[in-house]
Amino acid sequence: MDRSIALRGLGTLVLCVASAGCATVAPVPYSEMASSAYMAPDKSDTSGRVPYRYSTPVDWRSYNAHIIK
């Protein structure tokens, strides 16, 4: 009986440590990239997997050709 109580306590401890290890934290902004100044928080991503998006103004009308490999 004492052994089952000890195993149950050990199982609970392992479960708590495992769940604490999977906890998410807020993403840290990139700092070693030259383009990090152009990155903005991605408010359209609700999953949190893409924390930042690269946004720069582009004039798509200035392109007049396509390259297909």
N, C-alpha and C. Protein backbone atom coordinates (compact mmCIF):
# COMPACT_ATOMS: atom_id res chain seq x y z
N MET A 1 0.82 -1.19 0.00
CA MET A 1 0.00 0.00 0.00
C MET A 1 0.87 1.26 0.00
N ASP A 2 1.96 1.28 0.78
CA ASP A 2 2.84 2.44 0.81
C ASP A 2 3.52 2.65 -0.54
N ARG A 3 3.80 1.55 -1.21
CA ARG A 3 4.46 1.65 -2.50
C ARG A 3 3.53 2.31 -3.53
N SER A 4 2.24 1.99 -3.53
CA SER A 4 1.32 2.58 -4.49
C SER A 4 1.12 4.08 -4.23
N ILE A 5 1.16 4.48 -2.96
CA ILE A 5 1.05 5.90 -2.63
C ILE A 5 2.29 6.65 -3.13
N ALA A 6 3.46 6.04 -2.96
CA ALA A 6 4.70 6.66 -3.43
C ALA A 6 4.71 6.76 -4.95
N LEU A 7 4.25 5.73 -5.64
CA LEU A 7 4.19 5.77 -7.10
C LEU A 7 3.19 6.80 -7.60
N ARG A 8 2.09 6.92 -6.90
CA ARG A 8 1.10 7.92 -7.28
C ARG A 8 1.66 9.34 -7.10
N GLY A 9 2.38 9.54 -6.00
CA GLY A 9 3.02 10.85 -5.77
C GLY A 9 4.08 11.14 -6.81
N LEU A 10 4.86 10.13 -7.16
CA LEU A 10 5.89 10.30 -8.18
C LEU A 10 5.26 10.59 -9.54
N GLY A 11 4.18 9.91 -9.85
CA GLY A 11 3.48 10.16 -11.11
C GLY A 11 2.92 11.57 -11.18
N THR A 12 2.39 12.03 -10.06
CA THR A 12 1.87 13.40 -10.00
C THR A 12 2.99 14.41 -10.19
N LEU A 13 4.14 14.15 -9.57
CA LEU A 13 5.29 15.04 -9.71
C LEU A 13 5.77 15.09 -11.16
N VAL A 14 5.86 13.95 -11.80
CA VAL A 14 6.29 13.90 -13.20
C VAL A 14 5.30 14.63 -14.09
N LEU A 15 4.03 14.47 -13.85
CA LEU A 15 3.01 15.16 -14.63
C LEU A 15 3.10 16.67 -14.46
N CYS A 16 3.33 17.14 -13.24
CA CYS A 16 3.45 18.58 -12.99
C CYS A 16 4.69 19.16 -13.67
N VAL A 17 5.80 18.45 -13.59
CA VAL A 17 7.03 18.94 -14.23
C VAL A 17 6.87 18.95 -15.75
N ALA A 18 6.24 17.92 -16.30
CA ALA A 18 6.03 17.87 -17.75
C ALA A 18 5.11 18.98 -18.22
N SER A 19 4.05 19.25 -17.49
CA SER A 19 3.14 20.31 -17.91
C SER A 19 3.77 21.69 -17.74
N ALA A 20 4.63 21.87 -16.76
CA ALA A 20 5.32 23.15 -16.59
C ALA A 20 6.34 23.36 -17.72
N GLY A 21 6.93 22.29 -18.20
CA GLY A 21 7.89 22.39 -19.31
C GLY A 21 7.24 22.74 -20.62
N CYS A 22 5.96 22.46 -20.76
CA CYS A 22 5.23 22.75 -22.00
C CYS A 22 4.55 24.11 -21.98
N ALA A 23 4.70 24.84 -20.90
CA ALA A 23 4.05 26.15 -20.79
C ALA A 23 4.65 27.10 -21.83
N THR A 24 3.83 27.93 -22.40
CA THR A 24 4.32 28.86 -23.41
C THR A 24 4.64 30.21 -22.78
N VAL A 25 5.54 30.91 -23.40
CA VAL A 25 5.92 32.25 -22.97
C VAL A 25 5.76 33.18 -24.16
N ALA A 26 5.74 34.46 -23.91
CA ALA A 26 5.63 35.43 -24.99
C ALA A 26 6.90 35.39 -25.84
N PRO A 27 6.78 35.48 -27.16
CA PRO A 27 7.96 35.42 -28.03
C PRO A 27 8.85 36.65 -27.83
N VAL A 28 10.13 36.44 -27.96
CA VAL A 28 11.12 37.50 -27.81
C VAL A 28 11.39 38.09 -29.18
N PRO A 29 11.44 39.41 -29.30
CA PRO A 29 11.74 40.00 -30.61
C PRO A 29 13.12 39.59 -31.11
N TYR A 30 13.24 39.46 -32.42
CA TYR A 30 14.52 39.12 -33.02
C TYR A 30 15.47 40.30 -32.86
N SER A 31 16.73 40.01 -32.57
CA SER A 31 17.66 41.12 -32.37
C SER A 31 18.89 41.05 -33.26
N GLU A 32 19.23 39.91 -33.82
CA GLU A 32 20.45 39.77 -34.58
C GLU A 32 20.20 39.78 -36.09
N MET A 33 19.05 40.25 -36.50
CA MET A 33 18.73 40.31 -37.92
C MET A 33 18.68 41.76 -38.37
N ALA A 34 19.22 42.01 -39.53
CA ALA A 34 19.23 43.38 -40.04
C ALA A 34 17.82 43.87 -40.34
N SER A 35 16.92 42.96 -40.68
CA SER A 35 15.56 43.36 -41.05
C SER A 35 14.61 43.36 -39.85
N SER A 36 15.11 43.19 -38.64
CA SER A 36 14.22 43.12 -37.48
C SER A 36 13.48 44.43 -37.23
N ALA A 37 14.00 45.54 -37.72
CA ALA A 37 13.30 46.81 -37.55
C ALA A 37 12.02 46.86 -38.36
N TYR A 38 11.93 46.05 -39.42
CA TYR A 38 10.75 46.01 -40.27
C TYR A 38 9.70 45.01 -39.78
N MET A 39 10.03 44.24 -38.78
CA MET A 39 9.10 43.22 -38.29
C MET A 39 8.11 43.84 -37.32
N ALA A 40 6.87 43.39 -37.41
CA ALA A 40 5.81 43.89 -36.54
C ALA A 40 5.07 42.69 -35.95
N PRO A 41 4.46 42.85 -34.77
CA PRO A 41 3.68 41.74 -34.21
C PRO A 41 2.57 41.32 -35.16
N ASP A 42 2.39 40.01 -35.30
CA ASP A 42 1.38 39.46 -36.20
C ASP A 42 0.08 39.26 -35.42
N LYS A 43 -0.82 40.20 -35.54
CA LYS A 43 -2.09 40.14 -34.81
C LYS A 43 -3.11 39.23 -35.50
N SER A 44 -2.84 38.82 -36.74
CA SER A 44 -3.79 37.96 -37.45
C SER A 44 -3.58 36.49 -37.12
N ASP A 45 -2.44 36.13 -36.50
CA ASP A 45 -2.17 34.73 -36.15
C ASP A 45 -2.66 34.46 -34.74
N THR A 46 -3.71 33.67 -34.62
CA THR A 46 -4.27 33.37 -33.30
C THR A 46 -3.60 32.18 -32.65
N SER A 47 -2.82 31.40 -33.41
CA SER A 47 -2.16 30.22 -32.84
C SER A 47 -0.90 30.58 -32.07
N GLY A 48 -0.31 31.72 -32.36
CA GLY A 48 0.92 32.12 -31.68
C GLY A 48 2.17 31.51 -32.30
N ARG A 49 2.04 30.81 -33.40
CA ARG A 49 3.19 30.16 -34.03
C ARG A 49 3.99 31.11 -34.91
N VAL A 50 3.36 32.16 -35.39
CA VAL A 50 4.04 33.16 -36.20
C VAL A 50 3.92 34.49 -35.47
N PRO A 51 4.84 34.74 -34.53
CA PRO A 51 4.68 35.91 -33.68
C PRO A 51 4.92 37.24 -34.38
N TYR A 52 5.74 37.24 -35.42
CA TYR A 52 6.06 38.49 -36.11
C TYR A 52 5.86 38.31 -37.61
N ARG A 53 5.56 39.39 -38.28
CA ARG A 53 5.44 39.37 -39.73
C ARG A 53 6.34 40.46 -40.29
N TYR A 54 6.80 40.25 -41.48
CA TYR A 54 7.68 41.19 -42.16
C TYR A 54 6.81 42.11 -43.00
N SER A 55 6.81 43.37 -42.67
CA SER A 55 5.97 44.29 -43.42
C SER A 55 6.82 45.44 -43.96
N THR A 56 6.83 45.55 -45.26
CA THR A 56 7.52 46.63 -45.93
C THR A 56 6.67 47.04 -47.13
N PRO A 57 6.62 48.30 -47.45
CA PRO A 57 5.80 48.71 -48.60
C PRO A 57 6.39 48.20 -49.92
N VAL A 58 5.53 47.64 -50.75
CA VAL A 58 5.95 47.10 -52.05
C VAL A 58 5.03 47.66 -53.13
N ASP A 59 5.62 48.13 -54.18
CA ASP A 59 4.86 48.61 -55.34
C ASP A 59 4.83 47.47 -56.36
N TRP A 60 3.79 46.64 -56.32
CA TRP A 60 3.70 45.47 -57.19
C TRP A 60 3.54 45.84 -58.66
N ARG A 61 3.11 47.05 -58.96
CA ARG A 61 2.96 47.46 -60.37
C ARG A 61 4.31 47.68 -61.05
N SER A 62 5.39 47.82 -60.28
CA SER A 62 6.71 48.02 -60.89
C SER A 62 7.30 46.73 -61.44
N TYR A 63 6.70 45.57 -61.08
CA TYR A 63 7.16 44.28 -61.60
C TYR A 63 6.40 43.96 -62.89
N ASN A 64 7.15 43.53 -63.91
CA ASN A 64 6.51 43.25 -65.18
C ASN A 64 6.88 41.87 -65.76
N ALA A 65 7.52 41.01 -64.98
CA ALA A 65 7.91 39.69 -65.47
C ALA A 65 7.82 38.67 -64.35
N HIS A 66 7.72 37.40 -64.76
CA HIS A 66 7.68 36.29 -63.83
C HIS A 66 8.80 35.31 -64.18
N ILE A 67 9.39 34.71 -63.19
CA ILE A 67 10.39 33.67 -63.42
C ILE A 67 9.84 32.37 -62.90
N ILE A 68 9.75 31.39 -63.78
CA ILE A 68 9.24 30.05 -63.42
C ILE A 68 10.35 29.05 -63.67
N LYS A 69 10.70 28.31 -62.66
CA LYS A 69 11.76 27.29 -62.81
C LYS A 69 11.17 25.94 -62.97
